[in-house]
Amino acid sequence: MNVDACFKIAYVMKSHGLKGEVTLALLPLCPDLETMDAYFLEIGGQLVPHFLQAVSVKGTKAYVKFEGVDTPEAAAALKGASVYMPKKSRPSLPKGEFYNDEVIGFEVVDTNQGTLGKVSEIQETGISRHLVVDREGKEVMIPLNGPFLKSLNKSKKRITVELPDGFLDL
């Protein structure tokens, strides 16, 4: 499995208990972990399949037991590993919502100022998500949590925003 065909849903924080369980930090938009039997952990630059034996989710953390990981030492060796699932297996989101990787390259248009540029990435800081737009060689960060986002058209690959006066001068 190739990393480009997957998306990151969590990372291993630490081992948990004496039977090889691990604690995962769940990323925003992480689907229900029980929807799939296997996930891919990035180990040594490679995606390695791990089969789910048991899971318990508590808020933004999950306590997971993978098959074949049966000791605290084996679980500790997974610390820091990113957890992925195939993009084709992720659930559909409600209208107007999107996965971060879906909008890379989309054109961003302001209702007052016209075309601003293209989305180069999505940055997440805590609970906030920001569009990072390449505007004439400069990076512009537009919050997605506020009233700025007006529409998202996946078929036209266009995001319409309405920025306050002076926002681009900051």
N, C-alpha and C. Protein backbone atom coordinates (compact mmCIF):
# COMPACT_ATOMS: atom_id res chain seq x y z
N MET A 1 0.86 -1.18 0.00
CA MET A 1 0.00 0.00 0.00
C MET A 1 0.90 1.24 0.00
N ASN A 2 0.52 2.21 -0.78
CA ASN A 2 1.26 3.45 -0.95
C ASN A 2 0.66 4.54 -0.05
N VAL A 3 1.49 5.38 0.54
CA VAL A 3 1.00 6.45 1.42
C VAL A 3 0.06 7.39 0.68
N ASP A 4 0.30 7.64 -0.61
CA ASP A 4 -0.56 8.53 -1.38
C ASP A 4 -1.98 7.98 -1.54
N ALA A 5 -2.15 6.68 -1.41
CA ALA A 5 -3.47 6.06 -1.54
C ALA A 5 -4.18 5.96 -0.19
N CYS A 6 -3.55 6.49 0.85
CA CYS A 6 -4.09 6.41 2.21
C CYS A 6 -4.22 7.80 2.82
N PHE A 7 -4.92 7.86 3.95
CA PHE A 7 -4.94 9.10 4.70
C PHE A 7 -4.75 8.78 6.19
N LYS A 8 -4.09 9.71 6.87
CA LYS A 8 -3.72 9.53 8.27
C LYS A 8 -4.94 9.77 9.15
N ILE A 9 -5.20 8.82 10.06
CA ILE A 9 -6.36 8.95 10.95
C ILE A 9 -5.96 9.06 12.42
N ALA A 10 -4.73 8.66 12.75
CA ALA A 10 -4.30 8.67 14.15
C ALA A 10 -2.80 8.45 14.22
N TYR A 11 -2.28 8.50 15.43
CA TYR A 11 -0.90 8.08 15.67
C TYR A 11 -0.83 7.40 17.03
N VAL A 12 0.16 6.51 17.17
CA VAL A 12 0.32 5.75 18.40
C VAL A 12 1.03 6.64 19.43
N MET A 13 0.35 6.91 20.54
CA MET A 13 0.92 7.74 21.60
C MET A 13 1.87 6.93 22.49
N LYS A 14 1.39 5.75 22.93
CA LYS A 14 2.18 4.95 23.87
C LYS A 14 1.56 3.57 24.00
N SER A 15 2.28 2.70 24.70
CA SER A 15 1.70 1.39 25.00
C SER A 15 0.70 1.56 26.14
N HIS A 16 -0.18 0.57 26.29
CA HIS A 16 -1.23 0.65 27.30
C HIS A 16 -1.47 -0.76 27.84
N GLY A 17 -1.29 -0.94 29.13
CA GLY A 17 -1.56 -2.23 29.74
C GLY A 17 -0.44 -3.23 29.56
N LEU A 18 -0.74 -4.48 29.88
CA LEU A 18 0.27 -5.54 29.88
C LEU A 18 0.09 -6.56 28.76
N LYS A 19 -0.92 -6.37 27.90
CA LYS A 19 -1.21 -7.37 26.87
C LYS A 19 -0.91 -6.89 25.45
N GLY A 20 -0.17 -5.78 25.32
CA GLY A 20 0.21 -5.30 24.00
C GLY A 20 -0.71 -4.26 23.41
N GLU A 21 -1.57 -3.67 24.23
CA GLU A 21 -2.46 -2.62 23.72
C GLU A 21 -1.67 -1.33 23.53
N VAL A 22 -2.23 -0.44 22.68
CA VAL A 22 -1.64 0.87 22.47
C VAL A 22 -2.71 1.93 22.61
N THR A 23 -2.28 3.14 22.94
CA THR A 23 -3.17 4.29 22.98
C THR A 23 -2.96 5.09 21.71
N LEU A 24 -4.06 5.35 20.98
CA LEU A 24 -4.00 6.16 19.76
C LEU A 24 -4.55 7.55 20.03
N ALA A 25 -3.92 8.56 19.46
CA ALA A 25 -4.48 9.90 19.42
C ALA A 25 -5.22 10.01 18.09
N LEU A 26 -6.51 10.21 18.15
CA LEU A 26 -7.34 10.26 16.95
C LEU A 26 -7.32 11.66 16.36
N LEU A 27 -7.15 11.74 15.06
CA LEU A 27 -7.15 13.03 14.36
C LEU A 27 -8.59 13.42 14.03
N PRO A 28 -8.84 14.72 13.81
CA PRO A 28 -10.19 15.11 13.38
C PRO A 28 -10.56 14.35 12.10
N LEU A 29 -11.80 14.06 11.93
CA LEU A 29 -12.34 13.32 10.79
C LEU A 29 -11.94 11.85 10.78
N CYS A 30 -11.43 11.35 11.91
CA CYS A 30 -11.13 9.93 12.00
C CYS A 30 -12.46 9.18 12.03
N PRO A 31 -12.65 8.20 11.13
CA PRO A 31 -13.91 7.46 11.13
C PRO A 31 -13.97 6.50 12.31
N ASP A 32 -15.11 5.88 12.47
CA ASP A 32 -15.30 4.87 13.50
C ASP A 32 -14.30 3.74 13.26
N LEU A 33 -13.43 3.48 14.22
CA LEU A 33 -12.36 2.50 14.05
C LEU A 33 -12.87 1.08 13.86
N GLU A 34 -14.07 0.81 14.29
CA GLU A 34 -14.61 -0.55 14.17
C GLU A 34 -15.16 -0.84 12.78
N THR A 35 -15.09 0.15 11.86
CA THR A 35 -15.63 -0.07 10.52
C THR A 35 -14.70 -0.91 9.65
N MET A 36 -13.45 -1.06 10.06
CA MET A 36 -12.50 -1.85 9.27
C MET A 36 -11.79 -2.85 10.15
N ASP A 37 -11.31 -3.92 9.53
CA ASP A 37 -10.58 -4.94 10.27
C ASP A 37 -9.08 -4.65 10.35
N ALA A 38 -8.56 -3.92 9.34
CA ALA A 38 -7.12 -3.70 9.28
C ALA A 38 -6.81 -2.23 9.02
N TYR A 39 -5.70 -1.81 9.58
CA TYR A 39 -5.18 -0.47 9.37
C TYR A 39 -3.72 -0.60 9.02
N PHE A 40 -3.15 0.47 8.50
CA PHE A 40 -1.74 0.46 8.13
C PHE A 40 -0.97 1.38 9.07
N LEU A 41 0.10 0.84 9.66
CA LEU A 41 0.98 1.63 10.50
C LEU A 41 2.26 1.91 9.74
N GLU A 42 2.70 3.15 9.81
CA GLU A 42 3.94 3.53 9.13
C GLU A 42 5.11 3.17 10.05
N ILE A 43 5.85 2.16 9.62
CA ILE A 43 6.98 1.67 10.39
C ILE A 43 8.20 1.64 9.48
N GLY A 44 9.21 2.39 9.83
CA GLY A 44 10.42 2.42 9.02
C GLY A 44 10.17 2.91 7.60
N GLY A 45 9.25 3.85 7.44
CA GLY A 45 8.95 4.39 6.13
C GLY A 45 8.05 3.52 5.27
N GLN A 46 7.61 2.39 5.79
CA GLN A 46 6.74 1.47 5.06
C GLN A 46 5.38 1.38 5.75
N LEU A 47 4.33 1.16 4.98
CA LEU A 47 3.01 0.92 5.56
C LEU A 47 2.84 -0.57 5.78
N VAL A 48 2.65 -0.94 7.05
CA VAL A 48 2.53 -2.34 7.44
C VAL A 48 1.11 -2.60 7.94
N PRO A 49 0.40 -3.58 7.36
CA PRO A 49 -0.97 -3.84 7.82
C PRO A 49 -0.99 -4.42 9.23
N HIS A 50 -1.93 -3.94 10.04
CA HIS A 50 -2.15 -4.45 11.39
C HIS A 50 -3.64 -4.71 11.53
N PHE A 51 -3.98 -5.90 12.00
CA PHE A 51 -5.37 -6.30 12.10
C PHE A 51 -5.91 -6.00 13.49
N LEU A 52 -7.08 -5.41 13.53
CA LEU A 52 -7.71 -4.97 14.77
C LEU A 52 -8.30 -6.16 15.51
N GLN A 53 -7.93 -6.28 16.78
CA GLN A 53 -8.49 -7.33 17.62
C GLN A 53 -9.55 -6.76 18.56
N ALA A 54 -9.27 -5.59 19.13
CA ALA A 54 -10.22 -4.93 20.03
C ALA A 54 -9.95 -3.43 20.02
N VAL A 55 -11.00 -2.65 20.28
CA VAL A 55 -10.86 -1.19 20.33
C VAL A 55 -11.87 -0.62 21.33
N SER A 56 -11.43 0.42 22.04
CA SER A 56 -12.30 1.17 22.95
C SER A 56 -11.97 2.65 22.76
N VAL A 57 -12.97 3.42 22.33
CA VAL A 57 -12.76 4.84 22.06
C VAL A 57 -13.29 5.66 23.21
N LYS A 58 -12.46 6.60 23.66
CA LYS A 58 -12.84 7.53 24.73
C LYS A 58 -12.45 8.94 24.29
N GLY A 59 -13.39 9.68 23.73
CA GLY A 59 -13.13 11.03 23.26
C GLY A 59 -12.19 11.04 22.06
N THR A 60 -11.05 11.71 22.21
CA THR A 60 -10.08 11.80 21.12
C THR A 60 -8.97 10.76 21.23
N LYS A 61 -9.17 9.77 22.10
CA LYS A 61 -8.20 8.69 22.26
C LYS A 61 -8.90 7.35 22.02
N ALA A 62 -8.10 6.38 21.60
CA ALA A 62 -8.61 5.03 21.44
C ALA A 62 -7.59 4.07 22.02
N TYR A 63 -8.08 3.05 22.69
CA TYR A 63 -7.23 1.99 23.24
C TYR A 63 -7.43 0.78 22.33
N VAL A 64 -6.35 0.37 21.68
CA VAL A 64 -6.43 -0.60 20.60
C VAL A 64 -5.54 -1.79 20.87
N LYS A 65 -6.04 -2.97 20.52
CA LYS A 65 -5.25 -4.20 20.56
C LYS A 65 -5.16 -4.71 19.13
N PHE A 66 -3.94 -4.77 18.60
CA PHE A 66 -3.70 -5.31 17.28
C PHE A 66 -3.29 -6.77 17.40
N GLU A 67 -3.70 -7.59 16.45
CA GLU A 67 -3.29 -9.00 16.44
C GLU A 67 -1.77 -9.08 16.31
N GLY A 68 -1.17 -9.99 17.06
CA GLY A 68 0.27 -10.20 16.98
C GLY A 68 1.10 -9.26 17.82
N VAL A 69 0.48 -8.26 18.42
CA VAL A 69 1.17 -7.35 19.34
C VAL A 69 0.70 -7.76 20.73
N ASP A 70 1.51 -8.62 21.39
CA ASP A 70 1.05 -9.28 22.61
C ASP A 70 1.82 -8.93 23.87
N THR A 71 2.83 -8.06 23.76
CA THR A 71 3.62 -7.71 24.95
C THR A 71 3.74 -6.20 25.04
N PRO A 72 3.99 -5.70 26.24
CA PRO A 72 4.21 -4.25 26.37
C PRO A 72 5.39 -3.77 25.53
N GLU A 73 6.40 -4.61 25.38
CA GLU A 73 7.58 -4.23 24.59
C GLU A 73 7.21 -4.09 23.11
N ALA A 74 6.41 -5.02 22.60
CA ALA A 74 5.99 -4.95 21.20
C ALA A 74 5.12 -3.71 20.97
N ALA A 75 4.26 -3.41 21.94
CA ALA A 75 3.40 -2.22 21.84
C ALA A 75 4.25 -0.95 21.90
N ALA A 76 5.25 -0.92 22.79
CA ALA A 76 6.11 0.26 22.94
C ALA A 76 6.89 0.53 21.66
N ALA A 77 7.20 -0.52 20.90
CA ALA A 77 7.94 -0.36 19.64
C ALA A 77 7.10 0.38 18.59
N LEU A 78 5.78 0.44 18.77
CA LEU A 78 4.91 1.13 17.82
C LEU A 78 4.74 2.61 18.15
N LYS A 79 5.27 3.06 19.28
CA LYS A 79 5.11 4.45 19.71
C LYS A 79 5.56 5.41 18.61
N GLY A 80 4.70 6.39 18.31
CA GLY A 80 5.00 7.40 17.31
C GLY A 80 4.59 7.02 15.90
N ALA A 81 4.17 5.77 15.68
CA ALA A 81 3.78 5.34 14.34
C ALA A 81 2.47 6.01 13.93
N SER A 82 2.41 6.47 12.70
CA SER A 82 1.17 7.02 12.15
C SER A 82 0.27 5.88 11.71
N VAL A 83 -1.04 6.08 11.87
CA VAL A 83 -2.03 5.06 11.51
C VAL A 83 -2.80 5.58 10.30
N TYR A 84 -2.88 4.74 9.27
CA TYR A 84 -3.53 5.11 8.02
C TYR A 84 -4.64 4.13 7.65
N MET A 85 -5.54 4.61 6.81
CA MET A 85 -6.52 3.74 6.17
C MET A 85 -6.60 4.15 4.71
N PRO A 86 -6.99 3.23 3.82
CA PRO A 86 -7.09 3.57 2.40
C PRO A 86 -8.14 4.66 2.16
N LYS A 87 -7.83 5.60 1.27
CA LYS A 87 -8.78 6.67 0.95
C LYS A 87 -10.09 6.10 0.43
N LYS A 88 -10.02 5.03 -0.35
CA LYS A 88 -11.25 4.46 -0.94
C LYS A 88 -12.17 3.86 0.12
N SER A 89 -11.67 3.63 1.33
CA SER A 89 -12.49 3.03 2.40
C SER A 89 -13.09 4.05 3.35
N ARG A 90 -12.70 5.30 3.20
CA ARG A 90 -13.22 6.28 4.15
C ARG A 90 -14.68 6.61 3.85
N PRO A 91 -15.43 6.88 4.88
CA PRO A 91 -16.86 7.16 4.69
C PRO A 91 -17.07 8.52 4.03
N SER A 92 -18.20 8.65 3.35
CA SER A 92 -18.57 9.93 2.75
C SER A 92 -18.91 10.91 3.87
N LEU A 93 -18.58 12.16 3.63
CA LEU A 93 -18.88 13.21 4.61
C LEU A 93 -20.15 13.95 4.21
N PRO A 94 -20.78 14.61 5.16
CA PRO A 94 -21.98 15.40 4.83
C PRO A 94 -21.64 16.51 3.83
N LYS A 95 -22.65 16.98 3.13
CA LYS A 95 -22.49 18.05 2.15
C LYS A 95 -21.79 19.25 2.79
N GLY A 96 -20.80 19.78 2.10
CA GLY A 96 -20.07 20.95 2.58
C GLY A 96 -18.85 20.61 3.40
N GLU A 97 -18.69 19.34 3.81
CA GLU A 97 -17.50 18.94 4.56
C GLU A 97 -16.57 18.19 3.64
N PHE A 98 -15.28 18.16 4.01
CA PHE A 98 -14.31 17.54 3.14
C PHE A 98 -13.12 17.02 3.95
N TYR A 99 -12.45 16.04 3.36
CA TYR A 99 -11.18 15.57 3.90
C TYR A 99 -10.10 16.52 3.41
N ASN A 100 -9.09 16.74 4.23
CA ASN A 100 -8.05 17.71 3.91
C ASN A 100 -7.42 17.50 2.54
N ASP A 101 -7.13 16.26 2.20
CA ASP A 101 -6.42 16.01 0.94
C ASP A 101 -7.31 16.19 -0.29
N GLU A 102 -8.62 16.26 -0.11
CA GLU A 102 -9.53 16.40 -1.25
C GLU A 102 -9.46 17.77 -1.90
N VAL A 103 -9.08 18.81 -1.16
CA VAL A 103 -9.16 20.17 -1.68
C VAL A 103 -7.81 20.75 -2.10
N ILE A 104 -6.74 19.96 -2.00
CA ILE A 104 -5.44 20.44 -2.45
C ILE A 104 -5.53 20.73 -3.95
N GLY A 105 -5.11 21.92 -4.34
CA GLY A 105 -5.16 22.33 -5.74
C GLY A 105 -6.45 23.03 -6.12
N PHE A 106 -7.44 23.09 -5.23
CA PHE A 106 -8.68 23.80 -5.53
C PHE A 106 -8.40 25.29 -5.65
N GLU A 107 -9.14 25.95 -6.51
CA GLU A 107 -9.05 27.40 -6.67
C GLU A 107 -9.86 28.05 -5.54
N VAL A 108 -9.29 29.10 -4.94
CA VAL A 108 -9.98 29.85 -3.89
C VAL A 108 -10.36 31.21 -4.45
N VAL A 109 -11.67 31.51 -4.35
CA VAL A 109 -12.20 32.76 -4.89
C VAL A 109 -12.88 33.53 -3.77
N ASP A 110 -12.52 34.81 -3.63
CA ASP A 110 -13.16 35.69 -2.65
C ASP A 110 -14.33 36.39 -3.34
N THR A 111 -15.46 36.53 -2.65
CA THR A 111 -16.65 37.14 -3.24
C THR A 111 -16.41 38.60 -3.64
N ASN A 112 -15.47 39.28 -3.00
CA ASN A 112 -15.20 40.69 -3.31
C ASN A 112 -13.94 40.90 -4.15
N GLN A 113 -12.91 40.09 -3.93
CA GLN A 113 -11.61 40.34 -4.56
C GLN A 113 -11.28 39.38 -5.70
N GLY A 114 -12.13 38.43 -5.97
CA GLY A 114 -11.89 37.50 -7.07
C GLY A 114 -10.96 36.37 -6.67
N THR A 115 -10.26 35.82 -7.65
CA THR A 115 -9.40 34.66 -7.44
C THR A 115 -8.21 35.02 -6.55
N LEU A 116 -8.02 34.22 -5.50
CA LEU A 116 -6.91 34.45 -4.57
C LEU A 116 -5.73 33.54 -4.88
N GLY A 117 -5.99 32.33 -5.35
CA GLY A 117 -4.94 31.37 -5.63
C GLY A 117 -5.45 29.96 -5.45
N LYS A 118 -4.50 29.02 -5.29
CA LYS A 118 -4.85 27.62 -5.13
C LYS A 118 -4.46 27.12 -3.74
N VAL A 119 -5.22 26.16 -3.24
CA VAL A 119 -4.94 25.56 -1.93
C VAL A 119 -3.68 24.70 -2.07
N SER A 120 -2.67 25.01 -1.25
CA SER A 120 -1.44 24.21 -1.26
C SER A 120 -1.45 23.16 -0.16
N GLU A 121 -2.17 23.45 0.93
CA GLU A 121 -2.29 22.47 2.02
C GLU A 121 -3.37 22.93 2.99
N ILE A 122 -3.71 22.03 3.90
CA ILE A 122 -4.59 22.35 5.02
C ILE A 122 -3.76 22.17 6.28
N GLN A 123 -3.74 23.19 7.13
CA GLN A 123 -3.01 23.09 8.39
C GLN A 123 -4.02 22.98 9.52
N GLU A 124 -3.71 22.08 10.45
CA GLU A 124 -4.56 21.90 11.62
C GLU A 124 -3.77 22.29 12.85
N THR A 125 -4.34 23.18 13.65
CA THR A 125 -3.74 23.58 14.92
C THR A 125 -4.81 23.44 15.99
N GLY A 126 -4.69 22.40 16.78
CA GLY A 126 -5.72 22.13 17.78
C GLY A 126 -7.02 21.80 17.08
N ILE A 127 -8.06 22.57 17.38
CA ILE A 127 -9.36 22.32 16.75
C ILE A 127 -9.57 23.16 15.50
N SER A 128 -8.61 24.03 15.17
CA SER A 128 -8.74 24.92 14.01
C SER A 128 -8.12 24.30 12.77
N ARG A 129 -8.80 24.53 11.64
CA ARG A 129 -8.25 24.15 10.34
C ARG A 129 -8.13 25.41 9.50
N HIS A 130 -7.05 25.49 8.73
CA HIS A 130 -6.80 26.64 7.88
C HIS A 130 -6.47 26.19 6.47
N LEU A 131 -7.07 26.87 5.49
CA LEU A 131 -6.65 26.70 4.11
C LEU A 131 -5.34 27.46 3.96
N VAL A 132 -4.35 26.85 3.37
CA VAL A 132 -3.13 27.56 3.03
C VAL A 132 -3.18 27.77 1.53
N VAL A 133 -3.26 29.04 1.13
CA VAL A 133 -3.44 29.41 -0.27
C VAL A 133 -2.16 30.05 -0.78
N ASP A 134 -1.70 29.59 -1.94
CA ASP A 134 -0.54 30.18 -2.60
C ASP A 134 -1.06 31.35 -3.43
N ARG A 135 -0.79 32.57 -2.96
CA ARG A 135 -1.27 33.78 -3.63
C ARG A 135 -0.08 34.58 -4.13
N GLU A 136 0.19 34.44 -5.40
CA GLU A 136 1.29 35.18 -6.02
C GLU A 136 2.60 34.98 -5.27
N GLY A 137 2.88 33.74 -4.90
CA GLY A 137 4.12 33.42 -4.22
C GLY A 137 4.10 33.64 -2.72
N LYS A 138 3.01 34.16 -2.19
CA LYS A 138 2.88 34.38 -0.74
C LYS A 138 1.85 33.40 -0.20
N GLU A 139 2.06 32.98 1.06
CA GLU A 139 1.14 32.08 1.73
C GLU A 139 0.07 32.88 2.46
N VAL A 140 -1.19 32.55 2.22
CA VAL A 140 -2.30 33.17 2.93
C VAL A 140 -3.03 32.05 3.66
N MET A 141 -3.26 32.25 4.96
CA MET A 141 -3.98 31.24 5.76
C MET A 141 -5.39 31.75 6.04
N ILE A 142 -6.37 30.95 5.64
CA ILE A 142 -7.77 31.33 5.81
C ILE A 142 -8.43 30.33 6.76
N PRO A 143 -8.92 30.80 7.92
CA PRO A 143 -9.56 29.89 8.87
C PRO A 143 -10.82 29.27 8.28
N LEU A 144 -11.01 27.99 8.56
CA LEU A 144 -12.21 27.29 8.10
C LEU A 144 -13.28 27.23 9.18
N ASN A 145 -12.96 27.65 10.39
CA ASN A 145 -13.90 27.54 11.51
C ASN A 145 -14.84 28.73 11.61
N GLY A 146 -14.54 29.81 10.94
CA GLY A 146 -15.35 31.01 11.07
C GLY A 146 -16.32 31.17 9.93
N PRO A 147 -16.80 32.39 9.77
CA PRO A 147 -17.81 32.66 8.73
C PRO A 147 -17.21 32.88 7.35
N PHE A 148 -15.92 32.63 7.18
CA PHE A 148 -15.25 32.94 5.92
C PHE A 148 -15.65 32.02 4.76
N LEU A 149 -15.84 30.74 5.02
CA LEU A 149 -16.14 29.77 3.98
C LEU A 149 -17.61 29.91 3.56
N LYS A 150 -17.81 30.22 2.28
CA LYS A 150 -19.18 30.40 1.79
C LYS A 150 -19.67 29.18 1.02
N SER A 151 -18.81 28.58 0.20
CA SER A 151 -19.24 27.38 -0.53
C SER A 151 -18.03 26.57 -0.97
N LEU A 152 -18.32 25.31 -1.24
CA LEU A 152 -17.29 24.38 -1.70
C LEU A 152 -17.91 23.58 -2.83
N ASN A 153 -17.30 23.65 -4.01
CA ASN A 153 -17.81 22.92 -5.16
C ASN A 153 -16.73 21.94 -5.60
N LYS A 154 -16.94 20.65 -5.26
CA LYS A 154 -15.94 19.63 -5.57
C LYS A 154 -15.83 19.37 -7.06
N SER A 155 -16.94 19.44 -7.78
CA SER A 155 -16.89 19.15 -9.22
C SER A 155 -16.14 20.26 -9.98
N LYS A 156 -16.28 21.51 -9.55
CA LYS A 156 -15.56 22.62 -10.19
C LYS A 156 -14.20 22.88 -9.55
N LYS A 157 -13.93 22.16 -8.45
CA LYS A 157 -12.68 22.33 -7.70
C LYS A 157 -12.48 23.81 -7.31
N ARG A 158 -13.53 24.34 -6.66
CA ARG A 158 -13.51 25.75 -6.28
C ARG A 158 -14.06 25.93 -4.86
N ILE A 159 -13.38 26.78 -4.10
CA ILE A 159 -13.82 27.16 -2.76
C ILE A 159 -14.09 28.66 -2.79
N THR A 160 -15.28 29.05 -2.37
CA THR A 160 -15.62 30.47 -2.32
C THR A 160 -15.57 30.93 -0.88
N VAL A 161 -14.87 32.03 -0.65
CA VAL A 161 -14.75 32.60 0.68
C VAL A 161 -15.18 34.06 0.64
N GLU A 162 -15.47 34.60 1.81
CA GLU A 162 -15.76 36.02 1.93
C GLU A 162 -14.91 36.55 3.08
N LEU A 163 -13.82 37.21 2.71
CA LEU A 163 -12.87 37.70 3.71
C LEU A 163 -13.21 39.13 4.12
N PRO A 164 -12.98 39.48 5.37
CA PRO A 164 -13.23 40.86 5.82
C PRO A 164 -12.24 41.83 5.15
N ASP A 165 -12.63 43.08 5.06
CA ASP A 165 -11.76 44.11 4.50
C ASP A 165 -10.43 44.11 5.26
N GLY A 166 -9.34 44.19 4.54
CA GLY A 166 -8.01 44.26 5.14
C GLY A 166 -7.41 42.93 5.53
N PHE A 167 -8.14 41.81 5.39
CA PHE A 167 -7.63 40.50 5.80
C PHE A 167 -6.35 40.15 5.06
N LEU A 168 -6.29 40.40 3.79
CA LEU A 168 -5.12 40.03 2.99
C LEU A 168 -3.94 40.99 3.20
N ASP A 169 -4.17 42.09 3.90
CA ASP A 169 -3.09 43.05 4.18
C ASP A 169 -2.31 42.70 5.43
N LEU A 170 -2.80 41.73 6.21
CA LEU A 170 -2.13 41.37 7.45
C LEU A 170 -0.82 40.66 7.20
